[in-house]
Protein backbone atom coordinates (compact mmCIF):
# COMPACT_ATOMS: atom_id res chain seq x y z
CA MET A 1 18.18 0.39 9.25
CA ALA A 2 15.20 -1.93 9.49
CA ASN A 3 12.99 -3.57 6.85
CA PHE A 4 9.27 -2.89 7.14
CA LEU A 5 6.36 -4.46 5.32
CA PHE A 6 2.98 -2.71 5.42
CA VAL A 7 0.01 -4.91 4.52
CA LEU A 8 -3.27 -3.16 3.71
CA SER A 9 -6.48 -5.20 3.50
CA LYS A 10 -9.21 -2.55 3.80
CA LYS A 11 -10.66 0.02 1.42
CA ASP A 12 -11.71 2.37 4.23
CA ALA A 13 -9.91 5.71 4.35
CA GLU A 14 -8.93 5.50 8.04
CA PRO A 15 -6.70 2.37 7.95
CA ALA A 16 -5.34 3.23 4.50
CA THR A 17 -4.36 6.74 5.56
CA ARG A 18 -2.61 5.43 8.66
CA CYS A 19 -0.85 2.71 6.66
CA PHE A 20 0.43 5.24 4.10
CA GLN A 21 1.42 7.73 6.82
CA ILE A 22 3.50 5.27 8.82
CA ALA A 23 5.08 3.83 5.66
CA LYS A 24 6.07 7.35 4.63
CA VAL A 25 7.56 8.09 8.06
CA ALA A 26 9.58 4.85 7.98
CA HIS A 27 10.83 5.61 4.47
CA THR A 28 11.81 9.20 5.29
CA LYS A 29 13.80 7.87 8.26
CA GLY A 30 15.83 5.75 5.82
CA HIS A 31 14.27 2.34 6.48
CA LYS A 32 13.53 -0.12 3.69
CA VAL A 33 9.79 -0.10 3.08
CA ASP A 34 7.68 -2.51 1.05
CA MET A 35 3.91 -2.71 0.87
CA PHE A 36 1.36 -5.33 -0.12
CA PHE A 37 -2.36 -4.81 -0.72
CA VAL A 38 -4.76 -7.74 -0.21
CA ASP A 39 -8.54 -8.21 -0.06
CA ASP A 40 -10.29 -4.82 -0.37
CA GLY A 41 -6.96 -3.03 0.08
CA VAL A 42 -6.30 -3.62 -3.63
CA TYR A 43 -8.68 -0.78 -4.49
CA TRP A 44 -5.98 1.67 -3.35
CA ALA A 45 -3.79 0.62 -6.29
CA GLU A 46 -6.05 2.34 -8.81
CA LYS A 47 -5.03 5.85 -9.81
CA THR A 48 -8.72 6.83 -10.05
CA LYS A 49 -9.39 6.13 -6.33
CA ASP A 50 -10.41 9.25 -4.42
CA LEU A 51 -7.64 10.10 -1.96
CA SER A 52 -9.33 13.13 -0.40
CA GLU A 53 -11.61 11.54 2.23
CA ARG A 54 -10.55 13.02 5.57
CA THR A 55 -10.04 10.86 8.64
CA ILE A 56 -11.13 11.90 12.11
CA THR A 57 -7.64 13.38 12.63
CA GLY A 58 -8.03 15.56 9.54
CA ASP A 59 -5.53 13.92 7.23
CA CYS A 60 -6.21 11.79 4.17
CA ALA A 61 -4.55 9.18 1.97
CA GLY A 62 -3.67 11.96 -0.48
CA ASP A 63 -1.35 13.44 2.13
CA TYR A 64 0.91 10.36 2.01
CA LEU A 65 0.32 8.04 -0.96
CA PRO A 66 1.80 10.43 -3.57
CA TYR A 67 5.10 10.42 -1.63
CA LEU A 68 5.20 6.61 -1.75
CA VAL A 69 4.51 6.64 -5.49
CA GLU A 70 7.06 9.38 -6.25
CA ASN A 71 9.71 7.59 -4.21
CA GLU A 72 8.95 4.28 -5.93
CA VAL A 73 8.18 2.34 -2.76
CA GLN A 74 7.46 -1.18 -4.00
CA VAL A 75 3.82 -2.25 -3.63
CA GLY A 76 2.66 -5.77 -4.43
CA ILE A 77 -0.99 -6.18 -5.32
CA CYS A 78 -2.62 -9.55 -4.62
CA THR A 79 -3.34 -11.01 -8.05
CA PRO A 80 -6.47 -13.05 -7.22
CA CYS A 81 -7.82 -10.21 -5.05
CA ALA A 82 -7.45 -7.71 -7.90
CA HIS A 83 -8.79 -10.06 -10.57
CA SER A 84 -11.87 -11.01 -8.54
CA ARG A 85 -12.63 -7.28 -8.15
CA LYS A 86 -12.14 -6.71 -11.90
CA LEU A 87 -9.23 -4.29 -11.39
CA ASP A 88 -7.00 -3.50 -14.36
CA GLU A 89 -3.25 -3.40 -13.68
CA ALA A 90 -2.88 -0.77 -16.42
CA LYS A 91 -4.73 1.64 -14.08
CA PHE A 92 -2.38 1.04 -11.14
CA TYR A 93 0.24 3.49 -9.95
CA PRO A 94 3.64 2.84 -11.56
CA ASN A 95 5.22 1.49 -8.35
CA MET A 96 2.48 -1.16 -7.99
CA GLY A 97 2.21 -4.54 -9.66
CA LEU A 98 0.38 -7.83 -9.39
CA ASN A 99 2.01 -10.46 -7.21
CA GLY A 100 1.03 -13.56 -5.29
CA ALA A 101 1.38 -15.13 -1.90
CA PRO A 102 4.97 -16.37 -2.50
CA PHE A 103 6.08 -12.75 -3.07
CA LEU A 104 4.31 -11.64 0.13
CA VAL A 105 5.90 -14.43 2.16
CA ASP A 106 9.36 -13.54 0.83
CA LEU A 107 8.87 -9.90 1.81
CA ALA A 108 7.58 -10.83 5.27
CA ALA A 109 10.45 -13.24 5.93
CA GLU A 110 12.91 -10.38 6.23
CA ALA A 111 10.71 -7.61 7.63
CA LYS A 112 8.79 -6.29 10.57
CA VAL A 113 5.18 -6.49 9.45
CA PHE A 114 2.41 -3.95 10.05
CA ASN A 115 -1.16 -4.94 9.17
CA PHE A 116 -3.92 -2.46 8.40
């Protein structure tokens, strides 16, 4: 099986929903999946974020993100990105934690990378 890294940098529902959907598909097929949120993508780490905004295809982040949380898919959250946006790690999902660029580079070194 392959290693995949999904990098999310936007807070818009469309790219986030697609990122979570494809990560879920890869994971359900038995691939190793890691994720990393940078820039405005860090907003998706907060449990209070609304997951119900529908995309043009009718799905939403709430259709996929809970699976990734329940299955403990590792998600790194860019530390300076989160701190500059005043995000509190205590409000993150349990499978998400602050990490830096060295962590991201290590993940990417062994994975096929998708950027959203």
